[in-house]
Amino acid sequence: MGKQAKGTGRHWYAVHTYSGYEDAVREALLQRIESLGMQDLIFDVVVPKETQIVIKKGQPTTEKKRIFPGYVLVDMTVTDESWYVVRNTPNVTGFVGSGTTPVPVSEEEFKVIQRHMGATEPKFKIDFSVGDTVTILDGPFINYDGVINKVDEEKGKVKVLITIFGRETPVELDFTQVKKK
């Protein structure tokens, strides 16, 4: 039977790569599928990414970030031949599994990954932490300094304590409205 547990058929498998080479592995593997005529055994290669909002030079920009650095997902039927093609792709270090037997990604795991990849709302990538001193960039409290006491990544908001008339007052702001001192 070779590399595959009986009756596992077509599944998604996680393939370990050198970090930073995920896209290169995907490209190389797609070319190998084509040139070696493996389309009936290897169907798709995905580098799971999610969209995040990153603040660069004070401006929010969206970026695709790898969800699992060091991994690509391959939709395939494992045979000795298809295993060999994937395993011998440059920068692939192996399948996730026990020994040489790849273990498929479970339905549940794959659904979670798909949700992350298909999330229409980009996640904020915040490099703010509670306790950071920040300067407010706009709004009624422009140029005030304050200290972050809450970070809400889902909504892209921070709560900043500023001192007004000698009293600490919490103000909720967007990430884009503050910068670290």
Protein backbone atom coordinates (compact mmCIF):
# COMPACT_ATOMS: atom_id res chain seq x y z
CA MET A 1 0.00 0.00 0.00
CA GLY A 2 2.94 2.35 0.50
CA LYS A 3 2.66 5.79 2.02
CA GLN A 4 -1.07 5.97 2.57
CA ALA A 5 -3.28 4.56 5.27
CA LYS A 6 -6.04 2.43 3.70
CA GLY A 7 -9.00 4.28 2.23
CA THR A 8 -7.87 7.77 3.10
CA GLY A 9 -8.42 8.98 -0.47
CA ARG A 10 -8.30 12.67 -1.28
CA HIS A 11 -7.52 15.04 1.61
CA TRP A 12 -5.71 18.21 2.55
CA TYR A 13 -2.26 17.59 3.99
CA ALA A 14 0.05 20.00 5.76
CA VAL A 15 3.52 20.13 4.27
CA HIS A 16 6.41 21.58 6.24
CA THR A 17 8.63 24.08 4.39
CA TYR A 18 11.52 26.31 5.28
CA SER A 19 9.99 29.48 6.70
CA GLY A 20 9.77 32.24 4.12
CA TYR A 21 9.66 29.78 1.21
CA GLU A 22 5.93 28.97 1.38
CA ASP A 23 5.01 30.86 -1.81
CA ALA A 24 8.08 29.51 -3.64
CA VAL A 25 7.15 25.95 -2.63
CA ARG A 26 3.59 26.53 -3.86
CA GLU A 27 4.86 27.80 -7.24
CA ALA A 28 7.41 24.99 -7.62
CA LEU A 29 4.85 22.35 -6.67
CA LEU A 30 2.25 23.69 -9.11
CA GLN A 31 4.90 23.56 -11.88
CA ARG A 32 5.89 20.02 -10.90
CA ILE A 33 2.24 18.86 -10.93
CA GLU A 34 1.98 20.28 -14.45
CA SER A 35 5.27 18.95 -15.83
CA LEU A 36 4.96 15.51 -14.20
CA GLY A 37 1.28 15.12 -15.09
CA MET A 38 0.13 14.69 -11.46
CA GLN A 39 -3.18 16.61 -11.81
CA ASP A 40 -5.18 13.46 -11.02
CA LEU A 41 -3.36 13.00 -7.69
CA ILE A 42 -2.40 16.51 -6.56
CA PHE A 43 -5.23 19.01 -6.93
CA ASP A 44 -4.35 22.24 -5.18
CA VAL A 45 -1.63 23.93 -3.14
CA VAL A 46 -2.51 26.72 -0.71
CA VAL A 47 -0.46 29.04 1.49
CA PRO A 48 -3.02 30.00 4.17
CA LYS A 49 -3.00 33.78 4.62
CA GLU A 50 -5.27 36.27 6.31
CA THR A 51 -5.67 39.95 5.69
CA GLN A 52 -4.46 42.18 8.51
CA ILE A 53 -4.41 45.92 8.88
CA VAL A 54 -0.93 47.13 9.72
CA ILE A 55 -0.07 50.70 10.60
CA LYS A 56 2.86 51.91 8.49
CA LYS A 57 4.12 55.47 8.83
CA GLY A 58 0.90 56.30 10.66
CA GLN A 59 -1.26 55.00 7.79
CA PRO A 60 -3.36 51.84 7.95
CA THR A 61 -2.57 49.45 5.10
CA THR A 62 -3.77 45.90 4.53
CA GLU A 63 -1.33 43.04 4.21
CA LYS A 64 -1.70 39.34 3.61
CA LYS A 65 0.03 37.57 6.48
CA ARG A 66 0.77 33.86 6.58
CA ILE A 67 -1.37 32.15 9.20
CA PHE A 68 1.05 29.22 9.57
CA PRO A 69 4.59 30.26 8.68
CA GLY A 70 6.50 27.21 7.52
CA TYR A 71 3.52 25.31 6.11
CA VAL A 72 1.63 24.90 2.86
CA LEU A 73 -1.54 22.86 2.46
CA VAL A 74 -1.81 20.36 -0.36
CA ASP A 75 -5.09 18.86 -1.58
CA MET A 76 -4.03 15.42 -2.80
CA THR A 77 -4.44 11.68 -2.88
CA VAL A 78 -1.30 10.19 -1.35
CA THR A 79 0.40 7.45 -3.34
CA ASP A 80 4.11 6.58 -3.39
CA GLU A 81 4.37 8.65 -6.56
CA SER A 82 2.49 11.77 -5.37
CA TRP A 83 4.22 11.63 -1.97
CA TYR A 84 7.58 11.55 -3.74
CA VAL A 85 6.71 14.54 -5.97
CA VAL A 86 5.69 16.71 -2.99
CA ARG A 87 8.45 15.47 -0.68
CA ASN A 88 11.15 16.22 -3.26
CA THR A 89 10.00 19.73 -4.08
CA PRO A 90 12.80 22.20 -3.19
CA ASN A 91 12.45 23.72 0.32
CA VAL A 92 9.95 21.09 1.47
CA THR A 93 11.16 19.45 4.68
CA GLY A 94 8.39 16.86 4.95
CA PHE A 95 4.75 16.08 5.60
CA VAL A 96 3.07 16.57 8.94
CA GLY A 97 2.39 13.05 10.17
CA SER A 98 4.01 10.10 11.82
CA GLY A 99 7.23 8.98 10.22
CA THR A 100 6.75 8.93 6.45
CA THR A 101 2.96 8.54 6.65
CA PRO A 102 1.24 11.91 6.15
CA VAL A 103 -1.76 12.55 8.39
CA PRO A 104 -4.60 14.48 6.74
CA VAL A 105 -5.76 17.82 8.12
CA SER A 106 -9.12 17.16 9.81
CA GLU A 107 -12.36 18.64 8.41
CA GLU A 108 -12.66 20.84 11.51
CA GLU A 109 -9.12 22.16 11.22
CA PHE A 110 -9.60 22.88 7.55
CA LYS A 111 -12.87 24.76 8.18
CA VAL A 112 -11.10 26.95 10.76
CA ILE A 113 -8.29 27.67 8.28
CA GLN A 114 -10.81 28.48 5.52
CA ARG A 115 -12.64 30.85 7.88
CA HIS A 116 -9.39 32.68 8.59
CA MET A 117 -8.51 32.88 4.91
CA GLY A 118 -11.98 33.93 3.84
CA ALA A 119 -12.51 36.44 6.61
CA THR A 120 -13.76 39.50 4.81
CA GLU A 121 -13.03 41.79 7.73
CA PRO A 122 -9.27 42.23 7.97
CA LYS A 123 -7.87 41.82 11.45
CA PHE A 124 -5.91 44.68 12.92
CA LYS A 125 -2.27 43.96 13.54
CA ILE A 126 -1.61 46.09 16.56
CA ASP A 127 1.76 46.78 17.94
CA PHE A 128 0.28 48.61 20.93
CA SER A 129 0.21 47.12 24.42
CA VAL A 130 -1.39 48.13 27.68
CA GLY A 131 0.97 50.56 29.43
CA ASP A 132 2.37 52.11 26.23
CA THR A 133 2.62 55.90 26.25
CA VAL A 134 1.06 57.35 23.09
CA THR A 135 0.40 60.71 21.49
CA ILE A 136 -3.08 61.37 20.10
CA LEU A 137 -2.87 62.34 16.43
CA ASP A 138 -6.35 63.72 15.80
CA GLY A 139 -9.75 64.43 17.29
CA PRO A 140 -10.57 66.75 20.21
CA PHE A 141 -7.52 65.56 22.21
CA ILE A 142 -4.93 66.01 19.45
CA ASN A 143 -1.35 66.27 20.79
CA TYR A 144 -2.36 64.97 24.24
CA ASP A 145 -0.18 62.20 25.63
CA GLY A 146 -1.79 59.26 27.36
CA VAL A 147 -1.27 55.70 28.48
CA ILE A 148 -3.04 52.75 26.84
CA ASN A 149 -5.11 50.79 29.34
CA LYS A 150 -7.05 48.57 26.92
CA VAL A 151 -6.50 47.20 23.40
CA ASP A 152 -9.42 45.85 21.34
CA GLU A 153 -7.96 44.12 18.28
CA GLU A 154 -11.35 43.03 16.95
CA LYS A 155 -12.64 46.59 16.68
CA GLY A 156 -9.30 48.29 16.03
CA LYS A 157 -9.69 50.49 19.12
CA VAL A 158 -7.56 51.46 22.12
CA LYS A 159 -8.60 53.01 25.39
CA VAL A 160 -6.17 55.74 26.41
CA LEU A 161 -6.02 57.40 29.82
CA ILE A 162 -5.35 61.11 29.44
CA THR A 163 -5.16 63.71 32.17
CA ILE A 164 -7.76 66.46 31.85
CA PHE A 165 -8.12 69.07 34.62
CA GLY A 166 -5.89 66.97 36.85
CA ARG A 167 -8.03 63.85 36.48
CA GLU A 168 -7.33 60.69 34.51
CA THR A 169 -10.01 60.25 31.86
CA PRO A 170 -10.37 57.22 29.57
CA VAL A 171 -10.82 58.03 25.86
CA GLU A 172 -11.61 55.39 23.23
CA LEU A 173 -9.73 55.93 19.96
CA ASP A 174 -8.98 54.10 16.72
CA PHE A 175 -5.49 52.66 16.33
CA THR A 176 -4.94 55.14 13.57
CA GLN A 177 -5.49 58.06 15.96
CA VAL A 178 -2.53 57.33 18.22
CA LYS A 179 1.18 56.72 17.85
CA LYS A 180 3.76 55.44 20.30
CA LYS A 181 5.96 58.04 21.94
